[in-house]
Amino acid sequence: MPIPAEFPAFLATKRDDAVDRGPTTLRAADLPDAEVAIRVDWSSINYKDALATIPKGQVAQVSPLVPGIDLAGEVVEGDQAGTEVLVTGYDLGVAHHGGWARYARVPASWVVPLPDGLTTRQAMVLGTAGLTAGLSIHALEQHGLTPDQGPVLVLGASGGVGSTAVGALATAGYEVHAATGKAEEHEYLRGLGAAEILDRDEVTAESKRPLESQRWAAAVDPIGGAGTAFALRTTKYGGAVAVSGLTAGTALDTTVLPFILRGVSLLGIDSVNASAEIRQTVWARLATGLRPRGLDDAIAREVDLDGIEPVLDALLRGEAVGRTVVRL
């Protein structure tokens, strides 16, 4: 089935010191040349998407740009026509038109078959945030983490990566301690499987102590900054911290002591350029043994193209909770 003459999309266009953004209509000729054409059923809204739609976000590399750093739908042109697939990362929604359009064209190397056990909507409830959470847990387990070693700390737990990590770790049998600055979300996190809740002030407070009491077998850290330093100085001997984000800043105020006296490891998690092999492995796990609690209801809310802008603003203010999926 060919791409129709016109289809709905959300476009961000840089004009001097501003960005015009909102729903529009595109044509097939507006899409980049690539091997695979996809009818997009669902996308999602991420912090990176919000940065791509503001003048100083330093994310968008082309203008105009269809944002949306992930998508799921059915192939309509190419060798895989008729199959359901998902795409996350690479240049999608950054230097290449992304998921906030009814149709997309992408390189074949970016495409991942939809794993058994997930619908296209569920895949985008997970989306880039879910893949990042899954990569974090997978890396920690490759490092040796098992449920019997003690609690796992999740920073930024009410956000997209954090909430998915809480639910996935709980499914896998871990004791999860979740940190959040949103007191009103404690019950939400307990519903996802958190055994204990920490206040954000505790995990971001300044400390002159390079090491503190050993509390966690490992930590999932999608925020960076002071939280990373806290996780490093409180993780148990031989544990690891998987860091994937920078919403709390890029600076890291720590010492070498967690690394040389406790053997703690800092694992960098990159979901943008992860190999096709690791993507397929982690997606298969997210559909089964790491399938998060709350996947079908608690984690995500749903908007159409007209509902995107308020979510972008909430993300930039730090007020978003869980995930938001975009219905195309």
Protein backbone atom coordinates (compact mmCIF):
# COMPACT_ATOMS: atom_id res chain seq x y z
CA MET A 1 0.00 0.00 0.00
CA PRO A 2 1.68 3.25 -1.10
CA ILE A 3 1.99 6.30 1.12
CA PRO A 4 -1.06 8.51 0.47
CA ALA A 5 -0.79 11.93 -1.15
CA GLU A 6 -1.29 13.69 2.20
CA PHE A 7 -1.19 12.61 5.84
CA PRO A 8 -1.22 14.25 9.31
CA ALA A 9 1.99 15.13 11.17
CA PHE A 10 3.44 17.37 13.87
CA LEU A 11 6.17 19.71 12.63
CA ALA A 12 8.77 21.87 14.39
CA THR A 13 10.29 24.68 12.30
CA LYS A 14 13.04 26.98 13.57
CA ARG A 15 12.50 30.67 12.78
CA ASP A 16 15.22 33.03 14.04
CA ASP A 17 15.13 32.67 17.84
CA ALA A 18 11.87 30.75 18.00
CA VAL A 19 10.42 27.39 16.96
CA ASP A 20 7.00 27.11 15.35
CA ARG A 21 5.47 23.77 16.29
CA GLY A 22 2.13 22.09 15.83
CA PRO A 23 0.00 19.71 13.74
CA THR A 24 0.17 20.02 9.97
CA THR A 25 -0.23 18.02 6.76
CA LEU A 26 2.69 16.44 4.92
CA ARG A 27 3.09 14.74 1.55
CA ALA A 28 5.02 11.62 0.65
CA ALA A 29 7.64 13.79 -1.04
CA ASP A 30 8.32 15.51 2.31
CA LEU A 31 9.71 12.30 3.78
CA PRO A 32 13.42 11.47 3.46
CA ASP A 33 14.56 8.79 1.05
CA ALA A 34 15.09 5.44 2.80
CA GLU A 35 14.51 1.75 2.19
CA VAL A 36 11.56 1.11 4.52
CA ALA A 37 8.24 2.96 4.62
CA ILE A 38 6.12 2.53 7.75
CA ARG A 39 2.52 3.41 8.53
CA VAL A 40 2.99 4.71 12.07
CA ASP A 41 0.36 3.61 14.58
CA TRP A 42 2.00 4.91 17.77
CA SER A 43 4.90 7.06 18.91
CA SER A 44 5.73 8.53 22.31
CA ILE A 45 6.88 11.79 23.91
CA ASN A 46 10.30 11.98 25.53
CA TYR A 47 12.39 14.68 27.19
CA LYS A 48 14.65 14.63 24.14
CA ASP A 49 11.61 15.39 21.96
CA ALA A 50 10.85 18.41 24.12
CA LEU A 51 14.40 19.68 23.65
CA ALA A 52 14.04 19.21 19.88
CA THR A 53 11.15 21.68 19.85
CA ILE A 54 12.74 24.65 21.66
CA PRO A 55 15.26 27.17 20.29
CA LYS A 56 18.11 26.30 22.68
CA GLY A 57 17.43 22.59 23.02
CA GLN A 58 20.52 21.60 21.00
CA VAL A 59 18.84 18.43 19.74
CA ALA A 60 17.21 19.16 16.37
CA GLN A 61 19.77 19.02 13.58
CA VAL A 62 17.44 19.87 10.69
CA SER A 63 14.52 22.23 10.19
CA PRO A 64 11.70 21.65 9.55
CA LEU A 65 11.66 18.46 11.61
CA VAL A 66 9.02 15.89 12.45
CA PRO A 67 10.00 15.10 16.08
CA GLY A 68 9.45 11.75 17.75
CA ILE A 69 12.50 9.64 18.59
CA ASP A 70 10.56 6.37 18.40
CA LEU A 71 7.68 4.81 16.47
CA ALA A 72 5.84 1.54 15.94
CA GLY A 73 3.64 0.46 13.07
CA GLU A 74 3.37 -1.65 9.93
CA VAL A 75 5.79 -1.71 7.00
CA VAL A 76 4.00 -0.62 3.80
CA GLU A 77 6.97 -0.53 1.41
CA GLY A 78 10.09 -2.66 1.40
CA ASP A 79 11.06 -6.28 1.92
CA GLN A 80 9.17 -6.51 5.22
CA ALA A 81 5.84 -5.18 3.89
CA GLY A 82 2.95 -6.28 6.09
CA THR A 83 5.05 -6.88 9.21
CA GLU A 84 4.84 -4.90 12.44
CA VAL A 85 8.04 -3.19 13.52
CA LEU A 86 9.45 -0.55 15.84
CA VAL A 87 12.21 2.02 15.51
CA THR A 88 14.05 3.90 18.26
CA GLY A 89 17.15 6.06 18.39
CA TYR A 90 19.72 6.63 15.66
CA ASP A 91 18.88 9.98 13.96
CA LEU A 92 15.11 9.52 14.25
CA GLY A 93 13.44 12.77 15.33
CA VAL A 94 16.82 14.51 15.42
CA ALA A 95 18.34 14.67 11.92
CA HIS A 96 15.67 12.52 10.25
CA HIS A 97 11.89 12.94 10.32
CA GLY A 98 10.57 11.00 13.30
CA GLY A 99 7.50 9.31 14.67
CA TRP A 100 5.00 12.15 14.95
CA ALA A 101 3.60 11.58 11.48
CA ARG A 102 1.25 8.96 10.11
CA TYR A 103 3.98 7.73 7.75
CA ALA A 104 7.76 7.51 8.02
CA ARG A 105 10.66 6.34 5.90
CA VAL A 106 13.74 4.94 7.67
CA PRO A 107 16.88 2.94 6.81
CA ALA A 108 16.38 -0.82 6.99
CA SER A 109 19.17 -1.12 9.59
CA TRP A 110 17.10 0.91 12.08
CA VAL A 111 14.10 -1.43 12.01
CA VAL A 112 13.45 -3.98 14.79
CA PRO A 113 10.69 -6.60 14.36
CA LEU A 114 7.94 -6.19 16.94
CA PRO A 115 8.66 -8.87 19.57
CA ASP A 116 6.07 -11.54 20.28
CA GLY A 117 3.88 -10.54 23.19
CA LEU A 118 3.79 -6.78 22.51
CA THR A 119 1.30 -4.73 20.54
CA THR A 120 2.50 -1.62 18.72
CA ARG A 121 0.87 0.49 21.44
CA GLN A 122 2.62 -1.43 24.21
CA ALA A 123 5.90 -1.07 22.34
CA MET A 124 5.54 2.71 22.47
CA VAL A 125 4.36 2.72 26.08
CA LEU A 126 7.84 1.32 26.54
CA GLY A 127 9.44 3.26 23.68
CA THR A 128 12.87 4.83 24.03
CA ALA A 129 12.41 5.14 27.79
CA GLY A 130 11.56 1.46 28.11
CA LEU A 131 14.48 0.41 25.94
CA THR A 132 16.79 2.58 28.07
CA ALA A 133 15.44 1.04 31.27
CA GLY A 134 15.80 -2.43 29.80
CA LEU A 135 19.36 -1.75 28.63
CA SER A 136 20.19 -0.49 32.12
CA ILE A 137 18.86 -3.61 33.85
CA HIS A 138 20.45 -5.89 31.26
CA ALA A 139 23.84 -4.19 31.75
CA LEU A 140 23.56 -4.51 35.53
CA GLU A 141 22.75 -8.19 35.23
CA GLN A 142 25.62 -8.72 32.80
CA HIS A 143 27.75 -7.16 35.53
CA GLY A 144 26.48 -9.83 37.93
CA LEU A 145 23.37 -8.38 39.56
CA THR A 146 20.82 -10.88 40.88
CA PRO A 147 17.70 -10.34 43.04
CA ASP A 148 19.26 -11.98 46.10
CA GLN A 149 21.99 -9.33 46.37
CA GLY A 150 19.76 -6.66 47.88
CA PRO A 151 17.68 -3.66 46.85
CA VAL A 152 18.11 -1.75 43.62
CA LEU A 153 17.79 2.02 43.69
CA VAL A 154 15.93 3.77 40.88
CA LEU A 155 16.49 7.52 40.59
CA GLY A 156 13.96 9.78 38.87
CA ALA A 157 11.46 7.02 39.48
CA SER A 158 8.31 8.87 38.44
CA GLY A 159 9.72 9.73 35.00
CA GLY A 160 9.60 7.63 31.84
CA VAL A 161 12.80 5.61 32.27
CA GLY A 162 12.44 5.47 36.05
CA SER A 163 8.85 4.28 36.18
CA THR A 164 9.51 1.62 33.55
CA ALA A 165 12.60 0.46 35.45
CA VAL A 166 10.61 0.20 38.69
CA GLY A 167 7.98 -1.97 37.02
CA ALA A 168 10.49 -4.11 35.12
CA LEU A 169 12.71 -4.73 38.16
CA ALA A 170 9.67 -5.68 40.23
CA THR A 171 8.58 -8.16 37.56
CA ALA A 172 12.06 -9.71 37.62
CA GLY A 173 11.88 -10.23 41.38
CA TYR A 174 14.03 -7.35 42.65
CA GLU A 175 13.38 -5.28 45.75
CA VAL A 176 13.04 -1.77 44.32
CA HIS A 177 13.70 1.47 46.21
CA ALA A 178 12.40 4.40 44.20
CA ALA A 179 13.49 8.04 44.53
CA THR A 180 11.17 10.85 43.46
CA GLY A 181 10.55 14.49 44.18
CA LYS A 182 6.79 14.09 43.67
CA ALA A 183 5.14 13.17 46.96
CA GLU A 184 1.81 12.69 45.23
CA GLU A 185 3.26 9.83 43.15
CA HIS A 186 4.23 7.53 46.02
CA GLU A 187 1.17 5.31 45.64
CA TYR A 188 1.67 5.21 41.87
CA LEU A 189 5.22 3.91 42.37
CA ARG A 190 4.12 1.40 44.98
CA GLY A 191 1.58 0.14 42.45
CA LEU A 192 4.39 -0.42 39.97
CA GLY A 193 6.25 -2.49 42.54
CA ALA A 194 8.40 -0.12 44.61
CA ALA A 195 9.02 -1.50 48.12
CA GLU A 196 10.41 1.75 49.52
CA ILE A 197 10.23 5.42 48.49
CA LEU A 198 13.02 7.97 48.97
CA ASP A 199 12.60 11.71 48.72
CA ARG A 200 14.56 13.43 45.97
CA ASP A 201 16.11 15.77 48.56
CA GLU A 202 17.85 12.80 50.17
CA VAL A 203 19.46 11.59 46.96
CA THR A 204 20.50 15.04 45.71
CA ALA A 205 21.78 16.56 48.97
CA GLU A 206 25.38 17.73 49.02
CA SER A 207 27.76 15.58 51.05
CA LYS A 208 31.39 16.00 52.05
CA ARG A 209 31.68 12.26 52.65
CA PRO A 210 33.16 10.38 49.68
CA LEU A 211 31.61 7.13 50.95
CA GLU A 212 28.45 6.49 52.96
CA SER A 213 26.66 3.41 54.29
CA GLN A 214 26.38 0.62 51.72
CA ARG A 215 22.70 0.40 50.81
CA TRP A 216 22.09 -0.80 47.24
CA ALA A 217 23.21 -3.76 45.18
CA ALA A 218 22.93 -1.49 42.14
CA ALA A 219 21.23 1.63 40.84
CA VAL A 220 19.37 2.68 37.69
CA ASP A 221 20.09 6.37 37.11
CA PRO A 222 18.33 8.26 34.30
CA ILE A 223 18.95 11.73 35.80
CA GLY A 224 22.69 12.28 36.35
CA GLY A 225 24.15 15.07 38.46
CA ALA A 226 23.99 14.89 42.25
CA GLY A 227 21.91 11.71 42.16
CA THR A 228 24.72 9.86 40.40
CA ALA A 229 27.21 10.95 43.05
CA PHE A 230 24.80 9.78 45.79
CA ALA A 231 24.33 6.40 44.12
CA LEU A 232 28.08 5.89 43.76
CA ARG A 233 28.87 6.61 47.41
CA THR A 234 26.00 4.44 48.74
CA THR A 235 26.21 1.38 46.45
CA LYS A 236 27.47 -1.84 48.00
CA TYR A 237 30.87 -3.37 47.38
CA GLY A 238 31.15 -4.71 43.82
CA GLY A 239 27.88 -3.13 42.72
CA ALA A 240 27.22 -0.89 39.75
CA VAL A 241 25.36 2.25 38.74
CA ALA A 242 23.83 2.34 35.24
CA VAL A 243 23.56 5.97 34.16
CA SER A 244 21.63 7.07 31.09
CA GLY A 245 20.44 10.65 31.61
CA LEU A 246 21.38 14.24 32.27
CA THR A 247 18.18 15.99 33.26
CA ALA A 248 19.82 16.92 36.58
CA GLY A 249 22.99 18.11 34.88
CA THR A 250 26.16 16.77 33.29
CA ALA A 251 28.60 17.53 36.12
CA LEU A 252 29.60 14.72 38.49
CA ASP A 253 31.02 15.62 41.90
CA THR A 254 32.60 12.43 43.19
CA THR A 255 35.96 10.89 44.07
CA VAL A 256 37.78 7.75 43.01
CA LEU A 257 37.02 6.11 46.37
CA PRO A 258 33.79 4.29 45.37
CA PHE A 259 35.72 2.74 42.49
CA ILE A 260 38.97 1.77 44.23
CA LEU A 261 37.76 1.00 47.77
CA ARG A 262 34.41 -0.62 46.97
CA GLY A 263 34.91 -1.78 43.40
CA VAL A 264 31.78 0.05 42.27
CA SER A 265 31.36 0.34 38.50
CA LEU A 266 29.75 3.18 36.55
CA LEU A 267 28.01 1.78 33.46
CA GLY A 268 27.13 4.22 30.68
CA ILE A 269 23.87 3.36 28.88
CA ASP A 270 23.35 4.56 25.31
CA SER A 271 20.05 3.67 23.65
CA VAL A 272 20.67 5.81 20.54
CA ASN A 273 23.39 3.76 18.86
CA ALA A 274 23.04 0.40 20.58
CA SER A 275 23.63 -2.53 18.23
CA ALA A 276 20.77 -4.30 16.48
CA GLU A 277 21.66 -7.47 18.39
CA ILE A 278 21.38 -5.93 21.86
CA ARG A 279 18.19 -4.09 20.87
CA GLN A 280 16.48 -7.32 19.84
CA THR A 281 17.69 -9.07 23.00
CA VAL A 282 16.38 -6.34 25.30
CA TRP A 283 13.09 -5.91 23.45
CA ALA A 284 12.47 -9.64 23.76
CA ARG A 285 13.13 -9.38 27.51
CA LEU A 286 10.80 -6.38 27.85
CA ALA A 287 8.05 -8.50 26.29
CA THR A 288 8.62 -11.33 28.78
CA GLY A 289 10.76 -11.46 31.95
CA LEU A 290 11.22 -7.68 32.18
CA ARG A 291 7.67 -6.81 31.14
CA PRO A 292 6.89 -3.92 33.51
CA ARG A 293 3.96 -3.89 35.86
CA GLY A 294 1.44 -1.28 34.75
CA LEU A 295 2.30 -1.63 31.06
CA ASP A 296 -1.32 -1.60 29.92
CA ASP A 297 -2.63 1.11 32.21
CA ALA A 298 -0.56 2.78 34.92
CA ILE A 299 2.60 3.73 33.04
CA ALA A 300 1.18 5.70 30.12
CA ARG A 301 -1.48 8.15 29.06
CA GLU A 302 -2.54 8.77 25.48
CA VAL A 303 -2.78 11.88 23.27
CA ASP A 304 -3.23 12.64 19.59
CA LEU A 305 -1.23 15.19 17.58
CA ASP A 306 -3.29 18.06 19.02
CA GLY A 307 -2.39 17.01 22.57
CA ILE A 308 1.39 16.96 22.18
CA GLU A 309 2.27 20.57 23.08
CA PRO A 310 1.06 20.56 26.71
CA VAL A 311 3.06 17.39 27.36
CA LEU A 312 6.21 18.97 25.91
CA ASP A 313 5.79 21.94 28.24
CA ALA A 314 5.24 19.67 31.25
CA LEU A 315 8.39 17.71 30.44
CA LEU A 316 10.45 20.88 30.25
CA ARG A 317 9.06 22.02 33.62
CA GLY A 318 9.88 18.64 35.18
CA GLU A 319 6.22 17.93 35.87
CA ALA A 320 5.60 14.90 33.64
CA VAL A 321 4.83 11.53 35.22
CA GLY A 322 5.27 8.16 33.53
CA ARG A 323 4.94 7.91 29.77
CA THR A 324 2.77 9.59 27.13
CA VAL A 325 2.02 7.78 23.89
CA VAL A 326 0.95 9.51 20.69
CA ARG A 327 -1.89 7.93 18.73
CA LEU A 328 -1.34 8.47 15.00
